[in-house]
PDB file of N, CA and C in Angstrom:
ATOM      1  N   UNK A   1      27.232 -45.148 -70.645  1.00  0.00           N
ATOM      2  CA  UNK A   1      26.718 -45.784 -71.845  1.00  0.00           C
ATOM      3  C   UNK A   1      28.860 -45.705 -72.523  1.00  0.00           C
ATOM      4  N   UNK A   2      28.296 -47.520 -73.311  1.00  0.00           N
ATOM      5  CA  UNK A   2      29.065 -47.583 -73.774  1.00  0.00           C
ATOM      6  C   UNK A   2      29.843 -46.549 -74.605  1.00  0.00           C
ATOM      7  N   UNK A   3      31.650 -46.790 -73.975  1.00  0.00           N
ATOM      8  CA  UNK A   3      32.048 -45.896 -75.242  1.00  0.00           C
ATOM      9  C   UNK A   3      33.175 -46.351 -75.989  1.00  0.00           C
ATOM     10  N   UNK A   4      33.828 -45.859 -77.052  1.00  0.00           N
ATOM     11  CA  UNK A   4      34.153 -46.612 -77.771  1.00  0.00           C
ATOM     12  C   UNK A   4      36.148 -47.260 -76.600  1.00  0.00           C
ATOM     13  N   UNK A   5      36.599 -46.125 -76.898  1.00  0.00           N
ATOM     14  CA  UNK A   5      37.684 -46.825 -74.942  1.00  0.00           C
ATOM     15  C   UNK A   5      37.550 -48.058 -74.797  1.00  0.00           C
ATOM     16  N   UNK A   6      35.638 -48.135 -74.048  1.00  0.00           N
ATOM     17  CA  UNK A   6      35.737 -49.542 -72.832  1.00  0.00           C
ATOM     18  C   UNK A   6      35.631 -51.110 -74.064  1.00  0.00           C
ATOM     19  N   UNK A   7      34.989 -50.753 -75.276  1.00  0.00           N
ATOM     20  CA  UNK A   7      35.054 -51.947 -75.870  1.00  0.00           C
ATOM     21  C   UNK A   7      36.030 -52.356 -76.513  1.00  0.00           C
ATOM     22  N   UNK A   8      37.314 -51.877 -76.953  1.00  0.00           N
ATOM     23  CA  UNK A   8      38.262 -51.975 -77.039  1.00  0.00           C
ATOM     24  C   UNK A   8      39.329 -52.160 -76.092  1.00  0.00           C
ATOM     25  N   UNK A   9      38.911 -51.400 -74.909  1.00  0.00           N
ATOM     26  CA  UNK A   9      39.596 -52.658 -73.841  1.00  0.00           C
ATOM     27  C   UNK A   9      39.047 -53.794 -73.219  1.00  0.00           C
ATOM     28  N   UNK A  10      37.586 -54.493 -73.366  1.00  0.00           N
ATOM     29  CA  UNK A  10      37.231 -55.441 -73.081  1.00  0.00           C
ATOM     30  C   UNK A  10      37.314 -56.774 -74.336  1.00  0.00           C
ATOM     31  N   UNK A  11      37.649 -55.555 -75.260  1.00  0.00           N
ATOM     32  CA  UNK A  11      38.329 -56.951 -77.472  1.00  0.00           C
ATOM     33  C   UNK A  11      39.801 -57.855 -76.145  1.00  0.00           C
ATOM     34  N   UNK A  12      40.180 -56.514 -76.155  1.00  0.00           N
ATOM     35  CA  UNK A  12      42.001 -56.829 -76.501  1.00  0.00           C
ATOM     36  C   UNK A  12      42.066 -57.660 -74.807  1.00  0.00           C
ATOM     37  N   UNK A  13      41.525 -57.257 -73.142  1.00  0.00           N
ATOM     38  CA  UNK A  13      40.986 -58.738 -72.461  1.00  0.00           C
ATOM     39  C   UNK A  13      40.535 -59.849 -72.682  1.00  0.00           C
ATOM     40  N   UNK A  14      39.753 -59.450 -74.013  1.00  0.00           N
ATOM     41  CA  UNK A  14      38.637 -61.027 -74.508  1.00  0.00           C
ATOM     42  C   UNK A  14      40.261 -61.816 -74.820  1.00  0.00           C
ATOM     43  N   UNK A  15      41.330 -60.883 -75.935  1.00  0.00           N
ATOM     44  CA  UNK A  15      42.046 -62.001 -76.181  1.00  0.00           C
ATOM     45  C   UNK A  15      43.041 -62.463 -75.488  1.00  0.00           C
ATOM     46  N   UNK A  16      43.335 -62.107 -74.318  1.00  0.00           N
ATOM     47  CA  UNK A  16      44.389 -62.718 -73.683  1.00  0.00           C
ATOM     48  C   UNK A  16      43.236 -64.014 -72.514  1.00  0.00           C
ATOM     49  N   UNK A  17      42.607 -63.724 -72.251  1.00  0.00           N
ATOM     50  CA  UNK A  17      41.313 -64.565 -71.799  1.00  0.00           C
ATOM     51  C   UNK A  17      41.075 -66.295 -72.688  1.00  0.00           C
ATOM     52  N   UNK A  18      40.873 -65.520 -74.330  1.00  0.00           N
ATOM     53  CA  UNK A  18      40.818 -66.533 -75.582  1.00  0.00           C
ATOM     54  C   UNK A  18      42.789 -67.358 -75.237  1.00  0.00           C
ATOM     55  N   UNK A  19      43.293 -66.681 -75.399  1.00  0.00           N
ATOM     56  CA  UNK A  19      44.653 -67.264 -75.281  1.00  0.00           C
ATOM     57  C   UNK A  19      44.567 -67.739 -74.222  1.00  0.00           C
ATOM     58  N   UNK A  20      44.784 -67.132 -73.311  1.00  0.00           N
ATOM     59  CA  UNK A  20      44.685 -68.517 -71.705  1.00  0.00           C
ATOM     60  C   UNK A  20      44.157 -69.676 -71.941  1.00  0.00           C
ATOM     61  N   UNK A  21      43.243 -69.340 -71.954  1.00  0.00           N
ATOM     62  CA  UNK A  21      41.971 -70.973 -72.813  1.00  0.00           C
ATOM     63  C   UNK A  21      42.614 -71.911 -74.015  1.00  0.00           C
ATOM     64  N   UNK A  22      42.982 -71.431 -74.497  1.00  0.00           N
ATOM     65  CA  UNK A  22      43.911 -72.547 -75.060  1.00  0.00           C
ATOM     66  C   UNK A  22      45.154 -72.704 -75.041  1.00  0.00           C
ATOM     67  N   UNK A  23      45.422 -72.178 -73.783  1.00  0.00           N
ATOM     68  CA  UNK A  23      46.950 -72.772 -73.362  1.00  0.00           C
ATOM     69  C   UNK A  23      46.718 -74.765 -72.014  1.00  0.00           C
ATOM     70  N   UNK A  24      45.232 -73.249 -71.095  1.00  0.00           N
ATOM     71  CA  UNK A  24      45.136 -74.280 -70.744  1.00  0.00           C
ATOM     72  C   UNK A  24      44.336 -75.609 -71.087  1.00  0.00           C
ATOM     73  N   UNK A  25      44.155 -75.518 -72.469  1.00  0.00           N
ATOM     74  CA  UNK A  25      43.386 -76.829 -73.585  1.00  0.00           C
ATOM     75  C   UNK A  25      45.000 -78.032 -73.579  1.00  0.00           C
ATOM     76  N   UNK A  26      45.847 -76.842 -74.269  1.00  0.00           N
ATOM     77  CA  UNK A  26      46.773 -77.614 -74.494  1.00  0.00           C
ATOM     78  C   UNK A  26      47.858 -78.666 -73.264  1.00  0.00           C
ATOM     79  N   UNK A  27      47.281 -77.910 -72.348  1.00  0.00           N
ATOM     80  CA  UNK A  27      48.597 -78.015 -71.120  1.00  0.00           C
ATOM     81  C   UNK A  27      47.939 -78.999 -70.319  1.00  0.00           C
ATOM     82  N   UNK A  28      46.562 -80.032 -70.517  1.00  0.00           N
ATOM     83  CA  UNK A  28      45.439 -80.976 -69.813  1.00  0.00           C
ATOM     84  C   UNK A  28      46.325 -82.126 -70.779  1.00  0.00           C
ATOM     85  N   UNK A  29      46.072 -82.765 -70.272  1.00  0.00           N
ATOM     86  CA  UNK A  29      45.690 -84.367 -70.756  1.00  0.00           C
ATOM     87  C   UNK A  29      44.017 -84.678 -70.470  1.00  0.00           C
ATOM     88  N   UNK A  30      43.378 -84.276 -69.475  1.00  0.00           N
ATOM     89  CA  UNK A  30      42.408 -84.529 -69.240  1.00  0.00           C
ATOM     90  C   UNK A  30      41.380 -84.324 -70.241  1.00  0.00           C
ATOM     91  N   UNK A  31      41.128 -85.681 -70.973  1.00  0.00           N
ATOM     92  CA  UNK A  31      40.084 -84.423 -72.471  1.00  0.00           C
ATOM     93  C   UNK A  31      38.826 -83.902 -71.947  1.00  0.00           C
ATOM     94  N   UNK A  32      38.086 -84.159 -71.433  1.00  0.00           N
ATOM     95  CA  UNK A  32      36.742 -84.380 -70.470  1.00  0.00           C
ATOM     96  C   UNK A  32      37.186 -81.990 -70.207  1.00  0.00           C
ATOM     97  N   UNK A  33      38.600 -81.317 -69.852  1.00  0.00           N
ATOM     98  CA  UNK A  33      38.492 -80.736 -69.676  1.00  0.00           C
ATOM     99  C   UNK A  33      39.282 -80.034 -70.580  1.00  0.00           C
ATOM    100  N   UNK A  34      39.657 -80.723 -72.035  1.00  0.00           N
ATOM    101  CA  UNK A  34      40.611 -79.801 -72.719  1.00  0.00           C
ATOM    102  C   UNK A  34      38.854 -79.031 -73.731  1.00  0.00           C
ATOM    103  N   UNK A  35      38.274 -80.522 -73.879  1.00  0.00           N
ATOM    104  CA  UNK A  35      36.847 -80.735 -74.806  1.00  0.00           C
ATOM    105  C   UNK A  35      36.189 -78.928 -73.930  1.00  0.00           C
ATOM    106  N   UNK A  36      36.517 -78.915 -72.348  1.00  0.00           N
ATOM    107  CA  UNK A  36      35.360 -77.651 -71.867  1.00  0.00           C
ATOM    108  C   UNK A  36      36.025 -76.179 -71.857  1.00  0.00           C
ATOM    109  N   UNK A  37      37.991 -76.219 -71.592  1.00  0.00           N
ATOM    110  CA  UNK A  37      38.235 -75.594 -72.479  1.00  0.00           C
ATOM    111  C   UNK A  37      38.361 -74.233 -74.496  1.00  0.00           C
ATOM    112  N   UNK A  38      38.739 -75.892 -74.751  1.00  0.00           N
ATOM    113  CA  UNK A  38      38.029 -75.228 -76.785  1.00  0.00           C
ATOM    114  C   UNK A  38      36.336 -74.462 -76.116  1.00  0.00           C
ATOM    115  N   UNK A  39      36.169 -74.956 -75.499  1.00  0.00           N
ATOM    116  CA  UNK A  39      34.292 -74.878 -76.328  1.00  0.00           C
ATOM    117  C   UNK A  39      34.262 -73.753 -75.095  1.00  0.00           C
ATOM    118  N   UNK A  40      34.667 -72.926 -73.827  1.00  0.00           N
ATOM    119  CA  UNK A  40      35.002 -71.930 -73.308  1.00  0.00           C
ATOM    120  C   UNK A  40      36.092 -70.440 -74.501  1.00  0.00           C
ATOM    121  N   UNK A  41      36.548 -71.550 -75.325  1.00  0.00           N
ATOM    122  CA  UNK A  41      37.492 -70.130 -76.056  1.00  0.00           C
ATOM    123  C   UNK A  41      36.684 -70.055 -77.601  1.00  0.00           C
ATOM    124  N   UNK A  42      35.463 -71.097 -77.772  1.00  0.00           N
ATOM    125  CA  UNK A  42      34.903 -70.597 -78.878  1.00  0.00           C
ATOM    126  C   UNK A  42      33.310 -69.833 -78.394  1.00  0.00           C
ATOM    127  N   UNK A  43      32.636 -70.033 -77.515  1.00  0.00           N
ATOM    128  CA  UNK A  43      32.067 -68.855 -76.516  1.00  0.00           C
ATOM    129  C   UNK A  43      33.031 -67.750 -77.229  1.00  0.00           C
ATOM    130  N   UNK A  44      33.438 -66.849 -75.747  1.00  0.00           N
ATOM    131  CA  UNK A  44      34.061 -65.892 -76.618  1.00  0.00           C
ATOM    132  C   UNK A  44      34.150 -65.678 -77.334  1.00  0.00           C
ATOM    133  N   UNK A  45      35.049 -66.151 -78.844  1.00  0.00           N
ATOM    134  CA  UNK A  45      34.491 -65.505 -80.151  1.00  0.00           C
ATOM    135  C   UNK A  45      32.812 -64.788 -80.588  1.00  0.00           C
ATOM    136  N   UNK A  46      32.744 -66.033 -79.566  1.00  0.00           N
ATOM    137  CA  UNK A  46      31.228 -65.479 -80.489  1.00  0.00           C
ATOM    138  C   UNK A  46      30.894 -64.303 -79.347  1.00  0.00           C
ATOM    139  N   UNK A  47      31.062 -64.223 -78.472  1.00  0.00           N
ATOM    140  CA  UNK A  47      31.062 -62.774 -77.194  1.00  0.00           C
ATOM    141  C   UNK A  47      32.040 -61.481 -78.113  1.00  0.00           C
ATOM    142  N   UNK A  48      33.317 -61.405 -78.272  1.00  0.00           N
ATOM    143  CA  UNK A  48      33.485 -60.972 -78.881  1.00  0.00           C
ATOM    144  C   UNK A  48      33.157 -60.265 -79.976  1.00  0.00           C
ATOM    145  N   UNK A  49      32.080 -61.501 -81.710  1.00  0.00           N
ATOM    146  CA  UNK A  49      31.983 -60.824 -82.345  1.00  0.00           C
ATOM    147  C   UNK A  49      30.688 -60.056 -81.871  1.00  0.00           C
ATOM    148  N   UNK A  50      30.230 -60.229 -80.961  1.00  0.00           N
ATOM    149  CA  UNK A  50      29.098 -59.362 -80.355  1.00  0.00           C
ATOM    150  C   UNK A  50      29.921 -58.063 -80.139  1.00  0.00           C
ATOM    151  N   UNK A  51      30.796 -57.818 -79.744  1.00  0.00           N
ATOM    152  CA  UNK A  51      31.516 -56.377 -78.740  1.00  0.00           C
ATOM    153  C   UNK A  51      32.239 -56.135 -80.073  1.00  0.00           C
ATOM    154  N   UNK A  52      32.895 -56.584 -80.886  1.00  0.00           N
ATOM    155  CA  UNK A  52      33.147 -55.483 -81.892  1.00  0.00           C
ATOM    156  C   UNK A  52      32.029 -55.639 -82.774  1.00  0.00           C
ATOM    157  N   UNK A  53      30.812 -55.856 -83.622  1.00  0.00           N
ATOM    158  CA  UNK A  53      29.979 -55.554 -84.259  1.00  0.00           C
ATOM    159  C   UNK A  53      29.217 -54.233 -83.601  1.00  0.00           C
ATOM    160  N   UNK A  54      29.121 -54.153 -81.522  1.00  0.00           N
ATOM    161  CA  UNK A  54      28.718 -52.340 -81.333  1.00  0.00           C
ATOM    162  C   UNK A  54      29.818 -51.900 -81.496  1.00  0.00           C
ATOM    163  N   UNK A  55      31.383 -52.015 -81.380  1.00  0.00           N
ATOM    164  CA  UNK A  55      32.392 -51.179 -81.656  1.00  0.00           C
ATOM    165  C   UNK A  55      31.820 -50.894 -83.057  1.00  0.00           C
ATOM    166  N   UNK A  56      32.173 -51.599 -84.122  1.00  0.00           N
ATOM    167  CA  UNK A  56      31.425 -50.448 -85.267  1.00  0.00           C
ATOM    168  C   UNK A  56      30.360 -49.925 -84.850  1.00  0.00           C
ATOM    169  N   UNK A  57      29.243 -50.301 -84.843  1.00  0.00           N
ATOM    170  CA  UNK A  57      27.780 -49.592 -84.524  1.00  0.00           C
ATOM    171  C   UNK A  57      28.707 -48.184 -84.210  1.00  0.00           C
ATOM    172  N   UNK A  58      29.098 -48.359 -82.950  1.00  0.00           N
ATOM    173  CA  UNK A  58      29.103 -47.177 -82.165  1.00  0.00           C
ATOM    174  C   UNK A  58      29.712 -46.426 -82.813  1.00  0.00           C
ATOM    175  N   UNK A  59      30.975 -46.500 -83.832  1.00  0.00           N
ATOM    176  CA  UNK A  59      32.264 -45.218 -84.285  1.00  0.00           C
ATOM    177  C   UNK A  59      31.365 -45.636 -85.620  1.00  0.00           C
ATOM    178  N   UNK A  60      30.331 -45.564 -85.823  1.00  0.00           N
ATOM    179  CA  UNK A  60      29.391 -45.265 -87.160  1.00  0.00           C
ATOM    180  C   UNK A  60      28.415 -44.494 -86.702  1.00  0.00           C
ATOM    181  N   UNK A  61      27.779 -43.829 -85.961  1.00  0.00           N
ATOM    182  CA  UNK A  61      26.717 -43.771 -85.419  1.00  0.00           C
ATOM    183  C   UNK A  61      27.218 -42.856 -84.418  1.00  0.00           C
ATOM    184  N   UNK A  62      28.244 -42.716 -83.971  1.00  0.00           N
ATOM    185  CA  UNK A  62      27.667 -41.654 -82.100  1.00  0.00           C
ATOM    186  C   UNK A  62      29.772 -40.936 -82.664  1.00  0.00           C
ATOM    187  N   UNK A  63      29.077 -39.347 -82.867  1.00  0.00           N
ATOM    188  CA  UNK A  63      30.417 -38.269 -83.730  1.00  0.00           C
ATOM    189  C   UNK A  63      31.028 -37.899 -82.342  1.00  0.00           C
ATOM    190  N   UNK A  64      30.501 -38.730 -81.259  1.00  0.00           N
ATOM    191  CA  UNK A  64      31.989 -38.362 -79.769  1.00  0.00           C
ATOM    192  C   UNK A  64      32.431 -39.632 -79.751  1.00  0.00           C
ATOM    193  N   UNK A  65      32.533 -40.692 -80.963  1.00  0.00           N
ATOM    194  CA  UNK A  65      33.906 -41.068 -80.941  1.00  0.00           C
ATOM    195  C   UNK A  65      34.127 -41.895 -81.754  1.00  0.00           C
ATOM    196  N   UNK A  66      33.953 -40.696 -82.739  1.00  0.00           N
ATOM    197  CA  UNK A  66      34.493 -40.951 -84.133  1.00  0.00           C
ATOM    198  C   UNK A  66      35.939 -39.541 -83.581  1.00  0.00           C
ATOM    199  N   UNK A  67      37.120 -40.983 -84.443  1.00  0.00           N
ATOM    200  CA  UNK A  67      38.478 -39.792 -84.882  1.00  0.00           C
ATOM    201  C   UNK A  67      38.193 -39.161 -85.459  1.00  0.00           C
ATOM    202  N   UNK A  68      39.148 -37.787 -85.264  1.00  0.00           N
ATOM    203  CA  UNK A  68      38.840 -36.438 -85.535  1.00  0.00           C
ATOM    204  C   UNK A  68      40.087 -36.264 -86.646  1.00  0.00           C
TER     205      UNK A  68
END
């Protein structure tokens, strides 16, 4: 079962990856590579939206994941 802490860890990792994609996009002069890195950054935003929604859902609907 997915737990709150698992989602929080994955979201933190995604932030790091997104930052790395941005750095790589800025670091290259190859426009195709730049476009690909920017597309990957956009894709990870979509993934993070899903993960954030899932985190919100389990926080609200699972007593085990609520802070006391």
